[in-house]
Amino acid sequence: MNKKNIFRFKIVITTMIIAAVTIFVSPIVVNLANQFFPKYPFFAFILMVMLLTCLCSIIFIMKQTFHLLLSTKKDRLTSDNIVEKMNQIKHTSIFLSTLYTMLLPLSYILAEKDDAPGLILIFLVLLLLSLYIIKITLKKLKRNQVVD
């Protein structure tokens, strides 16, 4: 297995892990929001929509990364194609960071009601982890483009 195949495998595994965590943790967070705010059902709905939107954004970023790697293998990659896909990844990353930043006040409200300050840290870790994964992915892509 060469480096690109290993990197593709890592992208697929990372996407599956993020999707699984989001799919299984989102209902728990939404149920917690419903418990503490029964008068405000829209709060849980907004929370669920934002979490699933974040998941879709992450999957889109990983899909674009995977397409970039497949294109380099088939030598169909032009500089315009690279710039276009990297810009799509960058804009989606900015969108994802904005969504997580918007989730931080909601997590504060939920943590204040539950008296669990660790909940804020969980959302903050999600924000920083997503930014870190995107940064590493882009750095490896740029390194692969320069080397190959």
Protein backbone atom coordinates (compact mmCIF):
# COMPACT_ATOMS: atom_id res chain seq x y z
CA MET A 1 0.00 0.00 0.00
CA ASN A 2 1.39 3.36 -0.96
CA LYS A 3 0.94 6.62 0.95
CA LYS A 4 -2.07 7.79 -1.06
CA ASN A 5 -4.01 4.58 -0.42
CA ILE A 6 -3.27 4.81 3.29
CA PHE A 7 -4.38 8.44 3.29
CA ARG A 8 -7.61 7.50 1.44
CA PHE A 9 -8.26 4.79 4.01
CA LYS A 10 -7.72 7.30 6.83
CA ILE A 11 -10.18 9.71 5.21
CA VAL A 12 -12.86 7.03 4.94
CA ILE A 13 -12.33 5.80 8.51
CA THR A 14 -12.32 9.35 9.91
CA THR A 15 -15.54 10.19 8.10
CA MET A 16 -17.21 7.03 9.37
CA ILE A 17 -16.12 7.72 12.96
CA ILE A 18 -17.34 11.32 12.87
CA ALA A 19 -20.64 10.25 11.31
CA ALA A 20 -21.17 7.50 13.90
CA VAL A 21 -20.39 9.78 16.82
CA THR A 22 -22.68 12.51 15.51
CA ILE A 23 -25.52 10.11 14.74
CA PHE A 24 -25.37 8.45 18.17
CA VAL A 25 -24.59 11.52 20.31
CA SER A 26 -27.04 13.96 18.68
CA PRO A 27 -30.20 12.23 19.99
CA ILE A 28 -28.73 12.16 23.50
CA VAL A 29 -28.05 15.90 23.40
CA VAL A 30 -31.47 16.62 21.92
CA ASN A 31 -33.21 14.51 24.60
CA LEU A 32 -31.24 16.38 27.23
CA ALA A 33 -32.40 19.67 25.71
CA ASN A 34 -36.02 18.42 25.68
CA GLN A 35 -35.76 17.43 29.34
CA PHE A 36 -34.52 20.82 30.48
CA PHE A 37 -36.58 22.98 28.15
CA PRO A 38 -39.99 21.32 27.71
CA LYS A 39 -41.61 24.72 27.03
CA TYR A 40 -39.21 25.39 24.16
CA PRO A 41 -39.29 22.45 21.72
CA PHE A 42 -37.70 24.61 19.02
CA PHE A 43 -34.49 24.66 21.07
CA ALA A 44 -34.00 20.92 20.59
CA PHE A 45 -34.98 21.20 16.94
CA ILE A 46 -32.42 23.95 16.28
CA LEU A 47 -29.78 21.93 18.08
CA MET A 48 -30.49 18.79 16.04
CA VAL A 49 -30.54 20.67 12.73
CA MET A 50 -27.23 22.36 13.52
CA LEU A 51 -25.56 19.10 14.53
CA LEU A 52 -26.74 17.31 11.39
CA THR A 53 -25.69 20.26 9.23
CA CYS A 54 -22.24 20.00 10.76
CA LEU A 55 -22.19 16.31 9.90
CA CYS A 56 -23.14 17.02 6.29
CA SER A 57 -20.41 19.64 6.05
CA ILE A 58 -17.77 17.25 7.36
CA ILE A 59 -18.87 14.54 4.94
CA PHE A 60 -18.73 17.05 2.06
CA ILE A 61 -15.19 18.09 3.03
CA MET A 62 -14.03 14.50 3.20
CA LYS A 63 -15.73 13.72 -0.14
CA GLN A 64 -13.94 16.60 -1.83
CA THR A 65 -10.64 15.47 -0.32
CA PHE A 66 -11.23 11.94 -1.53
CA HIS A 67 -12.04 13.21 -5.05
CA LEU A 68 -8.83 15.21 -5.07
CA LEU A 69 -6.86 12.11 -4.20
CA LEU A 70 -8.63 10.01 -6.84
CA SER A 71 -7.98 12.68 -9.45
CA THR A 72 -4.28 12.72 -8.65
CA LYS A 73 -4.15 8.96 -9.10
CA LYS A 74 -5.78 9.17 -12.53
CA ASP A 75 -3.70 12.23 -13.56
CA ARG A 76 -6.85 14.17 -14.43
CA LEU A 77 -6.03 17.01 -12.12
CA THR A 78 -5.46 20.48 -13.49
CA SER A 79 -4.39 23.49 -11.48
CA ASP A 80 -7.85 25.02 -11.91
CA ASN A 81 -9.43 21.84 -10.55
CA ILE A 82 -7.11 21.85 -7.54
CA VAL A 83 -7.84 25.50 -6.77
CA GLU A 84 -11.59 24.97 -7.15
CA LYS A 85 -11.71 21.95 -4.85
CA MET A 86 -9.42 23.55 -2.28
CA ASN A 87 -11.62 26.67 -2.26
CA GLN A 88 -14.71 24.50 -1.77
CA ILE A 89 -13.01 22.76 1.14
CA LYS A 90 -11.91 26.10 2.61
CA HIS A 91 -15.39 27.66 2.33
CA THR A 92 -17.05 24.61 3.81
CA SER A 93 -14.53 24.67 6.66
CA ILE A 94 -15.38 28.28 7.38
CA PHE A 95 -19.09 27.39 7.33
CA LEU A 96 -18.48 24.47 9.68
CA SER A 97 -16.49 26.61 12.10
CA THR A 98 -19.27 29.19 12.08
CA LEU A 99 -21.86 26.52 12.88
CA TYR A 100 -19.82 25.19 15.79
CA THR A 101 -19.30 28.73 17.04
CA MET A 102 -23.07 29.24 16.91
CA LEU A 103 -23.51 26.03 18.90
CA LEU A 104 -21.32 27.28 21.75
CA PRO A 105 -23.97 29.64 23.26
CA LEU A 106 -26.56 26.88 23.01
CA SER A 107 -24.20 24.53 24.82
CA TYR A 108 -23.68 27.19 27.49
CA ILE A 109 -27.44 27.48 28.06
CA LEU A 110 -27.75 23.70 28.23
CA ALA A 111 -24.76 23.36 30.58
CA GLU A 112 -26.04 26.15 32.82
CA LYS A 113 -29.42 24.46 33.17
CA ASP A 114 -27.87 21.03 33.76
CA ASP A 115 -25.11 22.44 35.97
CA ALA A 116 -22.55 20.58 33.88
CA PRO A 117 -19.72 22.84 32.74
CA GLY A 118 -18.10 19.90 30.98
CA LEU A 119 -20.77 20.11 28.30
CA ILE A 120 -19.30 23.41 27.11
CA LEU A 121 -15.91 21.74 26.88
CA ILE A 122 -17.36 18.93 24.75
CA PHE A 123 -18.69 21.43 22.21
CA LEU A 124 -15.42 23.37 22.31
CA VAL A 125 -13.46 20.17 21.71
CA LEU A 126 -15.74 19.39 18.75
CA LEU A 127 -14.98 22.81 17.30
CA LEU A 128 -11.24 22.53 17.75
CA LEU A 129 -11.13 18.90 16.61
CA SER A 130 -12.96 19.68 13.38
CA LEU A 131 -10.61 22.57 12.67
CA TYR A 132 -7.59 20.39 13.42
CA ILE A 133 -8.77 17.55 11.17
CA ILE A 134 -9.42 19.98 8.34
CA LYS A 135 -6.01 21.60 8.81
CA ILE A 136 -4.22 18.25 8.71
CA THR A 137 -6.19 17.13 5.67
CA LEU A 138 -5.37 20.28 3.74
CA LYS A 139 -1.71 20.12 4.76
CA LYS A 140 -1.38 16.51 3.61
CA LEU A 141 -3.15 17.30 0.36
CA LYS A 142 -0.82 20.20 -0.35
CA ARG A 143 2.20 18.06 0.51
CA ASN A 144 0.98 15.26 -1.79
CA GLN A 145 0.39 17.72 -4.62
CA VAL A 146 3.90 19.14 -4.31
CA VAL A 147 5.61 15.74 -4.03
CA ASP A 148 3.71 13.98 -6.83
